[in-house]
Amino acid sequence: MISFMIAICFDSSSQDLSFFNHSISPPFHKIIRTPIHPGIQVAVEARYKETSRSKFFQTFNLGGFYNKYNGTGFYLNTEVAYRFKTKQHVSPRDF
């Protein structure tokens, strides 16, 4: 089973607020399912180095979800990432 999180994000320069539906299903089968199992995540981004063509940063995430069949979950995690842009200012995130 795979957990899918389809999020609606409100993004500022270094903060992110996401609302999502937490559902569990076989891969690529009914990605959007009912009933709705709501979740929320708050993230803060720390930028270590940023240039016009790249960014090295870390995010700190705090969130939780309610799933009627699988329980309630809370989490605290971090992600470290490096993002680059081409000369045309295209980033893999743009796709």
C-alpha atoms as a PDB file:
ATOM      1  CA  MET A   1       0.000   0.000   0.000  1.00  0.00           C
ATOM      2  CA  ILE A   2       1.100   3.536  -0.725  1.00  0.00           C
ATOM      3  CA  SER A   3       0.007   6.682   1.051  1.00  0.00           C
ATOM      4  CA  PHE A   4      -0.904   9.554  -1.266  1.00  0.00           C
ATOM      5  CA  MET A   5      -0.936  13.159  -0.158  1.00  0.00           C
ATOM      6  CA  ILE A   6      -2.561  15.560  -2.574  1.00  0.00           C
ATOM      7  CA  ALA A   7      -1.920  19.005  -1.185  1.00  0.00           C
ATOM      8  CA  ILE A   8      -3.166  22.527  -1.650  1.00  0.00           C
ATOM      9  CA  CYS A   9      -0.267  24.805  -0.721  1.00  0.00           C
ATOM     10  CA  PHE A  10      -0.077  28.418   0.316  1.00  0.00           C
ATOM     11  CA  ASP A  11       3.562  29.372  -0.140  1.00  0.00           C
ATOM     12  CA  SER A  12       5.536  32.414   0.932  1.00  0.00           C
ATOM     13  CA  SER A  13       9.283  32.903   0.615  1.00  0.00           C
ATOM     14  CA  SER A  14      10.232  30.691   3.563  1.00  0.00           C
ATOM     15  CA  GLN A  15       6.972  29.339   5.014  1.00  0.00           C
ATOM     16  CA  ASP A  16       4.461  26.848   3.657  1.00  0.00           C
ATOM     17  CA  LEU A  17       0.989  25.769   4.774  1.00  0.00           C
ATOM     18  CA  SER A  18      -0.551  22.673   3.152  1.00  0.00           C
ATOM     19  CA  PHE A  19      -3.958  21.033   3.431  1.00  0.00           C
ATOM     20  CA  PHE A  20      -4.204  17.484   2.095  1.00  0.00           C
ATOM     21  CA  ASN A  21      -6.269  14.315   1.883  1.00  0.00           C
ATOM     22  CA  HIS A  22      -4.517  11.284   3.416  1.00  0.00           C
ATOM     23  CA  SER A  23      -5.564   8.074   1.682  1.00  0.00           C
ATOM     24  CA  ILE A  24      -4.088   4.609   1.312  1.00  0.00           C
ATOM     25  CA  SER A  25      -4.505   2.580  -1.868  1.00  0.00           C
ATOM     26  CA  PRO A  26      -2.576   0.413  -4.317  1.00  0.00           C
ATOM     27  CA  PRO A  27      -0.341   2.479  -6.606  1.00  0.00           C
ATOM     28  CA  PHE A  28      -2.236   4.667  -9.085  1.00  0.00           C
ATOM     29  CA  HIS A  29      -5.659   3.290  -8.140  1.00  0.00           C
ATOM     30  CA  LYS A  30      -8.237   5.904  -7.185  1.00  0.00           C
ATOM     31  CA  ILE A  31      -5.698   8.520  -6.124  1.00  0.00           C
ATOM     32  CA  ILE A  32      -8.482  10.838  -4.977  1.00  0.00           C
ATOM     33  CA  ARG A  33     -10.717   8.798  -2.691  1.00  0.00           C
ATOM     34  CA  THR A  34     -13.732   9.403  -0.521  1.00  0.00           C
ATOM     35  CA  PRO A  35     -14.328   9.748   2.357  1.00  0.00           C
ATOM     36  CA  ILE A  36     -11.971  12.657   2.900  1.00  0.00           C
ATOM     37  CA  HIS A  37      -9.254  12.146   5.536  1.00  0.00           C
ATOM     38  CA  PRO A  38      -8.010  15.682   6.271  1.00  0.00           C
ATOM     39  CA  GLY A  39      -4.450  16.664   7.058  1.00  0.00           C
ATOM     40  CA  ILE A  40      -2.434  19.820   7.579  1.00  0.00           C
ATOM     41  CA  GLN A  41       1.297  20.580   7.373  1.00  0.00           C
ATOM     42  CA  VAL A  42       3.302  23.670   8.305  1.00  0.00           C
ATOM     43  CA  ALA A  43       6.834  24.033   6.940  1.00  0.00           C
ATOM     44  CA  VAL A  44       9.655  26.512   7.452  1.00  0.00           C
ATOM     45  CA  GLU A  45      12.573  26.759   5.042  1.00  0.00           C
ATOM     46  CA  ALA A  46      16.161  27.576   6.051  1.00  0.00           C
ATOM     47  CA  ARG A  47      18.338  28.624   3.126  1.00  0.00           C
ATOM     48  CA  TYR A  48      22.025  27.826   3.478  1.00  0.00           C
ATOM     49  CA  LYS A  49      23.260  29.111   0.114  1.00  0.00           C
ATOM     50  CA  GLU A  50      21.327  30.713  -2.729  1.00  0.00           C
ATOM     51  CA  THR A  51      22.530  32.085  -6.051  1.00  0.00           C
ATOM     52  CA  SER A  52      20.685  33.069  -9.209  1.00  0.00           C
ATOM     53  CA  ARG A  53      21.087  29.501 -10.543  1.00  0.00           C
ATOM     54  CA  SER A  54      20.945  27.287  -7.448  1.00  0.00           C
ATOM     55  CA  LYS A  55      19.683  26.947  -3.905  1.00  0.00           C
ATOM     56  CA  PHE A  56      20.787  24.681  -1.038  1.00  0.00           C
ATOM     57  CA  PHE A  57      18.158  24.586   1.704  1.00  0.00           C
ATOM     58  CA  GLN A  58      16.483  22.602   4.468  1.00  0.00           C
ATOM     59  CA  THR A  59      12.805  22.442   5.426  1.00  0.00           C
ATOM     60  CA  PHE A  60      11.365  21.622   8.833  1.00  0.00           C
ATOM     61  CA  ASN A  61       7.844  20.151   8.694  1.00  0.00           C
ATOM     62  CA  LEU A  62       5.216  19.723  11.385  1.00  0.00           C
ATOM     63  CA  GLY A  63       1.886  18.160  10.554  1.00  0.00           C
ATOM     64  CA  GLY A  64      -0.869  15.731  11.242  1.00  0.00           C
ATOM     65  CA  PHE A  65      -3.768  13.864   9.682  1.00  0.00           C
ATOM     66  CA  TYR A  66      -6.937  12.039  10.611  1.00  0.00           C
ATOM     67  CA  ASN A  67      -7.824   8.774   8.879  1.00  0.00           C
ATOM     68  CA  LYS A  68     -11.021   7.086  10.043  1.00  0.00           C
ATOM     69  CA  TYR A  69      -9.714   3.587   9.239  1.00  0.00           C
ATOM     70  CA  ASN A  70      -5.984   3.906   9.980  1.00  0.00           C
ATOM     71  CA  GLY A  71      -5.857   6.290  12.904  1.00  0.00           C
ATOM     72  CA  THR A  72      -4.594   9.754  13.632  1.00  0.00           C
ATOM     73  CA  GLY A  73      -0.990  10.685  12.966  1.00  0.00           C
ATOM     74  CA  PHE A  74       1.325  13.529  13.879  1.00  0.00           C
ATOM     75  CA  TYR A  75       4.810  14.027  12.478  1.00  0.00           C
ATOM     76  CA  LEU A  76       7.874  16.211  12.688  1.00  0.00           C
ATOM     77  CA  ASN A  77      10.505  15.808   9.974  1.00  0.00           C
ATOM     78  CA  THR A  78      13.157  17.618   7.978  1.00  0.00           C
ATOM     79  CA  GLU A  79      14.287  17.574   4.335  1.00  0.00           C
ATOM     80  CA  VAL A  80      17.571  18.759   2.840  1.00  0.00           C
ATOM     81  CA  ALA A  81      17.616  19.683  -0.856  1.00  0.00           C
ATOM     82  CA  TYR A  82      19.661  21.247  -3.623  1.00  0.00           C
ATOM     83  CA  ARG A  83      17.738  22.918  -6.468  1.00  0.00           C
ATOM     84  CA  PHE A  84      19.309  24.225  -9.664  1.00  0.00           C
ATOM     85  CA  LYS A  85      18.107  26.239 -12.659  1.00  0.00           C
ATOM     86  CA  THR A  86      19.268  26.192 -16.254  1.00  0.00           C
ATOM     87  CA  LYS A  87      20.413  29.276 -18.154  1.00  0.00           C
ATOM     88  CA  GLN A  88      16.770  29.750 -19.197  1.00  0.00           C
ATOM     89  CA  HIS A  89      15.810  29.740 -15.474  1.00  0.00           C
ATOM     90  CA  VAL A  90      13.978  26.390 -15.735  1.00  0.00           C
ATOM     91  CA  SER A  91      14.001  24.218 -12.636  1.00  0.00           C
ATOM     92  CA  PRO A  92      12.909  20.555 -12.288  1.00  0.00           C
ATOM     93  CA  ARG A  93      10.288  21.864  -9.837  1.00  0.00           C
ATOM     94  CA  ASP A  94       8.647  23.732 -12.749  1.00  0.00           C
ATOM     95  CA  PHE A  95       7.434  20.472 -14.313  1.00  0.00           C
END
